[in-house]
Amino acid sequence: MCDDIYTCFYQLGVEELEIINIDNVNFTYPDGNKKALKNINLKVNEGEFILIAGPSGCGKSTLIRLLNRIIPDYYGGTLEGNVYINNKDIDDFKKDEIVTNVGMVYQHPEKQIVLQDVEREIAFGLENLNKDINFMKRNVSEVMSLLSLNGIKEKQTDEISGGQKQRVAIASVLAMNPDILLFDEPISQLDPINGEEVLNSIKRLNVDMGKTIILVEQRLDKCFHMADRIIFMENGEIIEEGTSTNIPKSINKKYHLPNIAYVFRQAQNSKLPITVKEGRDAIKDIEFKNIEKDEKNFSNKVLKVDKVNFEYERGSKTLKNINFDLGKGEIMAVMGENGAGKSTLFKIMAGIIEDYKGKIIVDEKNLKKVQYK
């Protein structure tokens, strides 16, 4: 017997704590003319939070789909090498063993949600595993409390927000209690507030429940600091790995770094802050001199939105009394949570939606009177 937990861990060794081992894997999609994954070797310890960063199409999603055998079982293709979960070859797992060991949450929650009732959706996976009703009730209740979903348990899945849908999708996977949770760009379709809530929920699963997390994400500003280890990918290969406080010097592409860290790396600064607070602290002692302010004149107005209102058939107003001007050469950002009306406003300005109230003047012409050929 060992005296404390740290001595036990030391005596067991790293191999005993290893939960994932991807060993010399290569993969090519059916009819693919080049490898989607090349010489992938990756070991993950139990309870680690891993972030995979890289450009679109570099193989991030393909890599994590190895871990629940979607590749090659669903996609087909040619797979070389071995994948081990808990020291067992994944090819030796039965299908129900995979979902109870590895859970996956996808980019679009709507594509993962099956049922209309929130509570039943969370229980759906357990029903398919033929679990006892009392076991299901307990698990569903626990995950709803953990992810703060009790307030919407009586609602329909088409009545809740995008962030709530994503948390319901996470809950439906978590209810089956897998040791490993995979997330494939879970906040890419969410506004900043909902995205922050989802990422906080994922972090809690790691910290409070000890789940092993592998997160694929493009919005690195939101999650870079959360990870224990960051895997950098490009062209189907793992090119480097590091941490938020120890980023390899060779990592200098924008798609590998949070925006603040990228700016500091381009400036060849030795310190790489990864949050706004760290960035402020890094520059507070820098004296800025002779910075000329570039005043731009946007007096030539090319767009005027005047008292625009719009409602869909269901009767609730999506846009209420919208007013603004836009000058020639001006850049304007439209921000707001999911469902705030941003896309509806753009559709009106583009002439896709015509039955709105108010005026939109483009180059001194009323948009309603413009003839489209």
Protein backbone atom coordinates (compact mmCIF):
# COMPACT_ATOMS: atom_id res chain seq x y z
CA MET A 1 0.00 0.00 0.00
CA CYS A 2 1.17 3.54 -0.77
CA ASP A 3 1.00 6.39 1.77
CA ASP A 4 -0.78 9.03 -0.37
CA ILE A 5 -2.47 9.49 -3.73
CA TYR A 6 0.57 11.12 -5.35
CA THR A 7 2.79 8.18 -4.41
CA CYS A 8 0.11 5.82 -5.76
CA PHE A 9 0.07 7.69 -9.07
CA TYR A 10 3.86 7.55 -9.24
CA GLN A 11 3.93 3.83 -8.53
CA LEU A 12 1.21 3.13 -11.06
CA GLY A 13 3.09 5.08 -13.70
CA VAL A 14 1.79 7.21 -16.56
CA GLU A 15 0.81 4.20 -18.66
CA GLU A 16 -1.73 3.12 -16.01
CA LEU A 17 -3.42 6.55 -16.20
CA GLU A 18 -3.49 6.58 -19.97
CA ILE A 19 -7.04 6.62 -21.32
CA ILE A 20 -6.37 7.21 -25.05
CA ASN A 21 -3.52 6.03 -27.23
CA ILE A 22 -3.56 6.77 -30.97
CA ASP A 23 -0.67 4.79 -32.39
CA ASN A 24 0.81 5.66 -35.81
CA VAL A 25 -2.55 6.27 -37.49
CA ASN A 26 -3.06 7.17 -41.14
CA PHE A 27 -6.50 7.63 -42.69
CA THR A 28 -7.84 8.25 -46.20
CA TYR A 29 -11.51 8.92 -46.97
CA PRO A 30 -13.21 6.79 -49.66
CA ASP A 31 -12.14 8.00 -53.12
CA GLY A 32 -9.74 10.44 -51.43
CA ASN A 33 -6.54 11.17 -53.31
CA LYS A 34 -4.56 12.14 -50.22
CA LYS A 35 -4.41 11.19 -46.57
CA ALA A 36 -6.72 13.11 -44.23
CA LEU A 37 -4.57 11.99 -41.27
CA LYS A 38 -0.83 11.31 -41.45
CA ASN A 39 1.36 9.64 -38.84
CA ILE A 40 -0.85 10.55 -35.88
CA ASN A 41 0.57 9.61 -32.50
CA LEU A 42 -1.23 10.96 -29.47
CA LYS A 43 -1.57 9.84 -25.85
CA VAL A 44 -4.10 11.37 -23.48
CA ASN A 45 -4.17 10.82 -19.73
CA GLU A 46 -7.32 10.35 -17.71
CA GLY A 47 -8.88 13.68 -16.71
CA GLU A 48 -6.92 15.81 -19.20
CA PHE A 49 -8.51 18.72 -21.08
CA ILE A 50 -7.11 18.69 -24.62
CA LEU A 51 -7.70 21.45 -27.19
CA ILE A 52 -7.03 20.70 -30.87
CA ALA A 53 -6.28 23.84 -32.93
CA GLY A 54 -5.71 24.26 -36.64
CA PRO A 55 -7.20 25.60 -39.89
CA SER A 56 -10.40 24.29 -41.46
CA GLY A 57 -9.82 20.99 -43.25
CA CYS A 58 -6.62 20.13 -41.37
CA GLY A 59 -8.06 16.91 -39.90
CA LYS A 60 -9.22 18.01 -36.42
CA SER A 61 -12.73 16.57 -36.69
CA THR A 62 -11.45 13.49 -38.50
CA LEU A 63 -9.05 12.84 -35.62
CA ILE A 64 -11.68 12.85 -32.88
CA ARG A 65 -14.05 10.73 -34.97
CA LEU A 66 -11.52 7.94 -34.66
CA LEU A 67 -12.30 7.80 -30.96
CA ASN A 68 -15.94 6.72 -31.24
CA ARG A 69 -15.28 4.64 -34.37
CA ILE A 70 -17.43 6.82 -36.65
CA ILE A 71 -14.26 6.55 -38.69
CA PRO A 72 -14.19 4.13 -40.38
CA ASP A 73 -17.53 2.47 -39.41
CA TYR A 74 -19.74 5.25 -40.83
CA TYR A 75 -17.52 7.14 -43.26
CA GLY A 76 -15.62 4.13 -44.61
CA GLY A 77 -12.14 4.74 -45.97
CA THR A 78 -8.74 3.22 -45.29
CA LEU A 79 -7.43 3.25 -41.72
CA GLU A 80 -3.91 2.23 -40.75
CA GLY A 81 -2.58 2.00 -37.20
CA ASN A 82 -4.34 1.42 -33.90
CA VAL A 83 -6.58 3.30 -31.48
CA TYR A 84 -6.73 2.20 -27.85
CA ILE A 85 -9.28 3.29 -25.24
CA ASN A 86 -8.43 2.28 -21.67
CA ASN A 87 -5.67 0.02 -23.06
CA LYS A 88 -8.18 -1.87 -25.22
CA ASP A 89 -8.14 -1.80 -29.03
CA ILE A 90 -11.22 0.13 -30.15
CA ASP A 91 -11.90 -2.52 -32.80
CA ASP A 92 -12.67 -4.95 -29.96
CA PHE A 93 -15.43 -2.75 -28.50
CA LYS A 94 -19.10 -3.57 -29.03
CA LYS A 95 -21.17 -0.60 -30.23
CA ASP A 96 -22.91 -0.11 -26.87
CA GLU A 97 -19.50 -0.19 -25.16
CA ILE A 98 -18.29 2.67 -27.35
CA VAL A 99 -21.12 5.06 -26.41
CA THR A 100 -20.68 4.29 -22.71
CA ASN A 101 -16.92 4.96 -22.95
CA VAL A 102 -16.85 7.82 -25.46
CA GLY A 103 -19.49 10.51 -25.98
CA MET A 104 -19.50 13.12 -28.74
CA VAL A 105 -21.24 16.50 -29.09
CA TYR A 106 -21.39 17.97 -32.56
CA GLN A 107 -21.27 21.45 -34.07
CA HIS A 108 -25.00 21.76 -34.82
CA PRO A 109 -27.17 20.75 -31.83
CA GLU A 110 -30.29 20.59 -34.05
CA LYS A 111 -28.74 17.67 -35.93
CA GLN A 112 -28.12 15.78 -32.69
CA ILE A 113 -31.50 16.39 -31.03
CA VAL A 114 -34.09 13.69 -31.82
CA LEU A 115 -37.15 14.31 -29.61
CA GLN A 116 -39.26 17.40 -28.93
CA ASP A 117 -39.43 17.16 -25.14
CA VAL A 118 -36.26 18.34 -23.37
CA GLU A 119 -36.35 15.79 -20.55
CA ARG A 120 -37.11 12.89 -22.90
CA GLU A 121 -34.31 13.98 -25.22
CA ILE A 122 -31.82 13.73 -22.37
CA ALA A 123 -33.11 10.25 -21.53
CA PHE A 124 -33.10 9.04 -25.15
CA GLY A 125 -29.62 7.48 -25.09
CA LEU A 126 -30.32 5.67 -21.84
CA GLU A 127 -33.55 4.27 -23.28
CA ASN A 128 -31.61 2.88 -26.23
CA LEU A 129 -29.21 1.22 -23.78
CA ASN A 130 -32.26 -0.36 -22.08
CA LYS A 131 -31.42 1.08 -18.67
CA ASP A 132 -33.66 0.69 -15.62
CA ILE A 133 -36.25 3.48 -15.22
CA ASN A 134 -34.96 4.51 -11.78
CA PHE A 135 -31.39 4.62 -13.11
CA MET A 136 -32.57 6.84 -16.00
CA LYS A 137 -34.49 9.21 -13.72
CA ARG A 138 -31.48 9.62 -11.43
CA ASN A 139 -29.00 10.23 -14.27
CA VAL A 140 -31.29 12.67 -16.09
CA SER A 141 -31.96 14.60 -12.89
CA GLU A 142 -28.24 14.82 -12.06
CA VAL A 143 -27.11 16.06 -15.47
CA MET A 144 -29.96 18.60 -15.68
CA SER A 145 -28.90 20.04 -12.33
CA LEU A 146 -25.23 20.05 -13.32
CA LEU A 147 -25.91 21.90 -16.59
CA SER A 148 -28.58 24.25 -15.12
CA LEU A 149 -31.39 22.88 -17.30
CA ASN A 150 -34.12 22.42 -14.68
CA GLY A 151 -35.73 25.68 -15.72
CA ILE A 152 -36.45 24.37 -19.23
CA LYS A 153 -37.18 20.69 -18.55
CA GLU A 154 -40.88 21.13 -19.38
CA LYS A 155 -40.18 22.95 -22.65
CA GLN A 156 -40.04 21.70 -26.22
CA THR A 157 -36.63 21.54 -27.90
CA ASP A 158 -37.79 23.93 -30.65
CA GLU A 159 -38.67 26.58 -28.04
CA ILE A 160 -35.25 26.96 -26.46
CA SER A 161 -32.20 29.03 -27.46
CA GLY A 162 -29.16 27.78 -29.34
CA GLY A 163 -27.04 27.71 -26.19
CA GLN A 164 -29.73 25.76 -24.33
CA LYS A 165 -29.99 23.29 -27.22
CA GLN A 166 -26.25 22.72 -27.08
CA ARG A 167 -26.40 22.11 -23.32
CA VAL A 168 -29.29 19.67 -23.85
CA ALA A 169 -27.14 17.84 -26.42
CA ILE A 170 -24.29 17.71 -23.89
CA ALA A 171 -26.69 16.45 -21.19
CA SER A 172 -28.03 13.68 -23.45
CA VAL A 173 -24.46 12.41 -23.96
CA LEU A 174 -23.40 12.95 -20.34
CA ALA A 175 -26.41 10.99 -19.03
CA MET A 176 -24.77 7.82 -20.39
CA ASN A 177 -21.75 8.67 -18.19
CA PRO A 178 -18.88 8.17 -20.67
CA ASP A 179 -15.33 8.63 -19.40
CA ILE A 180 -14.32 10.60 -22.51
CA LEU A 181 -16.23 13.55 -24.00
CA LEU A 182 -15.48 14.84 -27.51
CA PHE A 183 -16.65 18.28 -28.66
CA ASP A 184 -16.55 19.24 -32.34
CA GLU A 185 -16.73 23.07 -32.48
CA PRO A 186 -19.63 23.24 -30.00
CA ILE A 187 -19.84 27.07 -29.93
CA SER A 188 -19.32 27.88 -33.62
CA GLN A 189 -23.04 28.60 -34.18
CA LEU A 190 -23.61 30.44 -30.88
CA ASP A 191 -23.49 34.08 -29.88
CA PRO A 192 -20.77 35.09 -27.37
CA ILE A 193 -22.99 34.83 -24.27
CA ASN A 194 -24.38 31.38 -25.10
CA GLY A 195 -20.93 30.25 -26.23
CA GLU A 196 -19.43 31.29 -22.89
CA GLU A 197 -22.12 29.35 -21.01
CA VAL A 198 -21.49 26.19 -23.01
CA LEU A 199 -17.70 26.39 -22.53
CA ASN A 200 -18.15 26.95 -18.78
CA SER A 201 -20.32 23.83 -18.69
CA ILE A 202 -17.63 21.84 -20.50
CA LYS A 203 -14.96 23.06 -18.08
CA ARG A 204 -17.13 22.01 -15.13
CA LEU A 205 -17.40 18.49 -16.56
CA ASN A 206 -13.61 18.34 -16.51
CA VAL A 207 -12.99 19.99 -13.14
CA ASP A 208 -15.98 18.77 -11.11
CA MET A 209 -16.53 15.32 -12.65
CA GLY A 210 -13.03 14.45 -13.83
CA LYS A 211 -14.14 13.77 -17.40
CA THR A 212 -11.47 13.57 -20.07
CA ILE A 213 -12.25 16.34 -22.58
CA ILE A 214 -11.08 16.71 -26.17
CA LEU A 215 -12.26 19.96 -27.71
CA VAL A 216 -11.98 20.98 -31.37
CA GLU A 217 -12.59 24.71 -31.72
CA GLN A 218 -11.84 27.66 -34.02
CA ARG A 219 -12.76 30.45 -31.57
CA LEU A 220 -9.56 30.12 -29.58
CA ASP A 221 -9.94 33.37 -27.63
CA LYS A 222 -12.72 31.69 -25.64
CA CYS A 223 -11.09 28.39 -24.74
CA PHE A 224 -7.28 28.48 -25.17
CA HIS A 225 -6.69 29.16 -21.47
CA MET A 226 -8.99 26.29 -20.40
CA ALA A 227 -6.91 23.46 -21.84
CA ASP A 228 -4.23 21.47 -20.02
CA ARG A 229 -2.58 20.75 -23.37
CA ILE A 230 -2.98 22.13 -26.90
CA ILE A 231 -2.42 20.01 -30.01
CA PHE A 232 -1.57 22.02 -33.13
CA MET A 233 -2.53 20.46 -36.47
CA GLU A 234 -1.91 21.30 -40.11
CA ASN A 235 -2.43 19.31 -43.32
CA GLY A 236 -3.54 16.18 -41.48
CA GLU A 237 -0.55 16.10 -39.14
CA ILE A 238 0.20 17.04 -35.55
CA ILE A 239 2.94 19.62 -35.96
CA GLU A 240 3.44 20.67 -32.32
CA GLU A 241 1.95 20.55 -28.86
CA GLY A 242 2.16 22.91 -25.92
CA THR A 243 0.21 24.72 -23.22
CA SER A 244 -1.33 28.19 -22.93
CA THR A 245 1.75 29.32 -20.99
CA ASN A 246 4.28 27.46 -23.12
CA ILE A 247 3.48 27.92 -26.81
CA PRO A 248 6.19 26.56 -29.16
CA LYS A 249 8.11 29.28 -31.02
CA SER A 250 7.25 27.68 -34.38
CA ILE A 251 3.52 28.31 -33.78
CA ASN A 252 2.85 31.69 -35.39
CA LYS A 253 -0.21 31.26 -37.63
CA LYS A 254 -3.42 33.11 -36.81
CA TYR A 255 -5.50 29.91 -36.85
CA HIS A 256 -3.30 28.41 -34.12
CA LEU A 257 -3.42 31.30 -31.65
CA PRO A 258 -5.87 33.55 -29.81
CA ASN A 259 -6.01 36.99 -31.42
CA ILE A 260 -4.06 38.72 -28.64
CA ALA A 261 -1.31 36.10 -28.65
CA TYR A 262 -1.09 36.35 -32.46
CA VAL A 263 -0.64 40.14 -32.32
CA PHE A 264 2.13 39.85 -29.73
CA ARG A 265 3.85 37.07 -31.71
CA GLN A 266 3.76 39.22 -34.87
CA ALA A 267 5.34 42.01 -32.85
CA GLN A 268 8.06 39.51 -31.86
CA ASN A 269 7.26 39.97 -28.19
CA SER A 270 8.72 37.33 -25.89
CA LYS A 271 5.56 37.21 -23.75
CA LEU A 272 2.35 35.89 -25.33
CA PRO A 273 -0.75 36.97 -23.41
CA ILE A 274 -3.84 34.92 -24.23
CA THR A 275 -6.57 36.98 -22.54
CA VAL A 276 -7.51 40.66 -22.71
CA LYS A 277 -6.46 41.15 -19.08
CA GLU A 278 -3.04 39.62 -19.73
CA GLY A 279 -2.69 41.81 -22.82
CA ARG A 280 -3.46 44.97 -20.86
CA ASP A 281 -0.97 44.00 -18.19
CA ALA A 282 1.69 43.34 -20.84
CA ILE A 283 1.40 46.80 -22.44
CA LYS A 284 0.60 49.00 -19.44
CA ASP A 285 4.23 50.08 -19.02
CA ILE A 286 4.79 50.68 -22.75
CA GLU A 287 4.95 54.38 -23.65
CA PHE A 288 3.25 55.16 -26.96
CA LYS A 289 4.58 58.19 -28.80
CA ASN A 290 3.88 59.97 -32.07
CA ILE A 291 0.75 57.98 -32.87
CA GLU A 292 -1.23 59.97 -35.39
CA LYS A 293 -4.99 59.62 -35.21
CA ASP A 294 -6.46 58.88 -38.61
CA GLU A 295 -9.72 60.81 -38.74
CA LYS A 296 -12.06 59.52 -41.44
CA ASN A 297 -14.99 61.38 -42.92
CA PHE A 298 -18.11 59.29 -43.50
CA SER A 299 -20.41 62.19 -44.36
CA ASN A 300 -21.30 60.65 -47.75
CA LYS A 301 -24.18 58.41 -46.64
CA VAL A 302 -24.87 55.35 -48.81
CA LEU A 303 -27.42 53.61 -46.58
CA LYS A 304 -30.18 54.94 -44.34
CA VAL A 305 -32.40 52.63 -42.28
CA ASP A 306 -35.41 54.60 -41.04
CA LYS A 307 -37.94 53.25 -38.48
CA VAL A 308 -37.80 49.65 -39.75
CA ASN A 309 -40.15 47.17 -38.07
CA PHE A 310 -40.78 43.54 -38.99
CA GLU A 311 -42.59 40.55 -37.54
CA TYR A 312 -42.90 36.95 -38.69
CA GLU A 313 -46.27 35.21 -38.93
CA ARG A 314 -46.19 34.10 -35.32
CA GLY A 315 -46.87 37.70 -34.30
CA SER A 316 -43.88 38.66 -32.15
CA LYS A 317 -41.84 41.57 -33.47
CA THR A 318 -38.34 40.57 -34.60
CA LEU A 319 -37.23 44.12 -35.46
CA LYS A 320 -38.50 47.15 -33.56
CA ASN A 321 -37.92 50.70 -34.76
CA ILE A 322 -34.42 50.19 -36.26
CA ASN A 323 -32.64 53.43 -37.26
CA PHE A 324 -29.06 54.01 -38.45
CA ASP A 325 -26.97 55.53 -41.26
CA LEU A 326 -23.93 54.06 -42.98
CA GLY A 327 -21.31 56.22 -44.70
CA LYS A 328 -19.27 55.32 -47.78
CA GLY A 329 -16.21 53.31 -46.74
CA GLU A 330 -17.48 52.86 -43.18
CA ILE A 331 -17.36 49.48 -41.44
CA MET A 332 -20.22 48.70 -39.10
CA ALA A 333 -20.60 45.64 -36.85
CA VAL A 334 -24.03 44.27 -35.93
CA MET A 335 -23.93 42.31 -32.68
CA GLY A 336 -26.49 40.50 -30.57
CA GLU A 337 -27.51 37.13 -29.19
CA ASN A 338 -29.05 34.33 -31.27
CA GLY A 339 -32.54 35.34 -32.36
CA ALA A 340 -31.94 39.08 -31.86
CA GLY A 341 -32.80 39.81 -35.52
CA LYS A 342 -29.36 40.29 -37.10
CA SER A 343 -29.94 37.94 -40.04
CA THR A 344 -33.48 39.26 -40.54
CA LEU A 345 -32.13 42.81 -40.82
CA PHE A 346 -29.54 41.74 -43.39
CA LYS A 347 -32.21 39.90 -45.42
CA ILE A 348 -34.32 43.06 -45.50
CA MET A 349 -31.37 45.20 -46.60
CA ALA A 350 -30.55 42.63 -49.31
CA GLY A 351 -34.14 42.72 -50.62
CA ILE A 352 -34.88 39.10 -49.65
CA ILE A 353 -37.62 40.14 -47.20
CA GLU A 354 -39.97 42.79 -48.60
CA ASP A 355 -42.98 43.02 -46.25
CA TYR A 356 -41.37 45.24 -43.59
CA LYS A 357 -42.47 48.63 -42.29
CA GLY A 358 -40.28 51.70 -42.55
CA LYS A 359 -37.76 52.83 -45.15
CA ILE A 360 -34.39 51.67 -46.38
CA ILE A 361 -32.64 54.18 -48.62
CA VAL A 362 -29.69 52.94 -50.69
CA ASP A 363 -27.84 55.59 -52.73
CA GLU A 364 -30.86 57.90 -52.31
CA LYS A 365 -33.25 55.24 -53.67
CA ASN A 366 -36.05 53.67 -51.66
CA LEU A 367 -35.31 49.93 -51.58
CA LYS A 368 -39.01 49.08 -52.00
CA LYS A 369 -39.08 50.93 -55.29
CA VAL A 370 -35.95 49.31 -56.74
CA GLN A 371 -36.76 46.93 -59.59
CA TYR A 372 -34.83 43.65 -59.62
CA LYS A 373 -34.13 42.10 -63.00
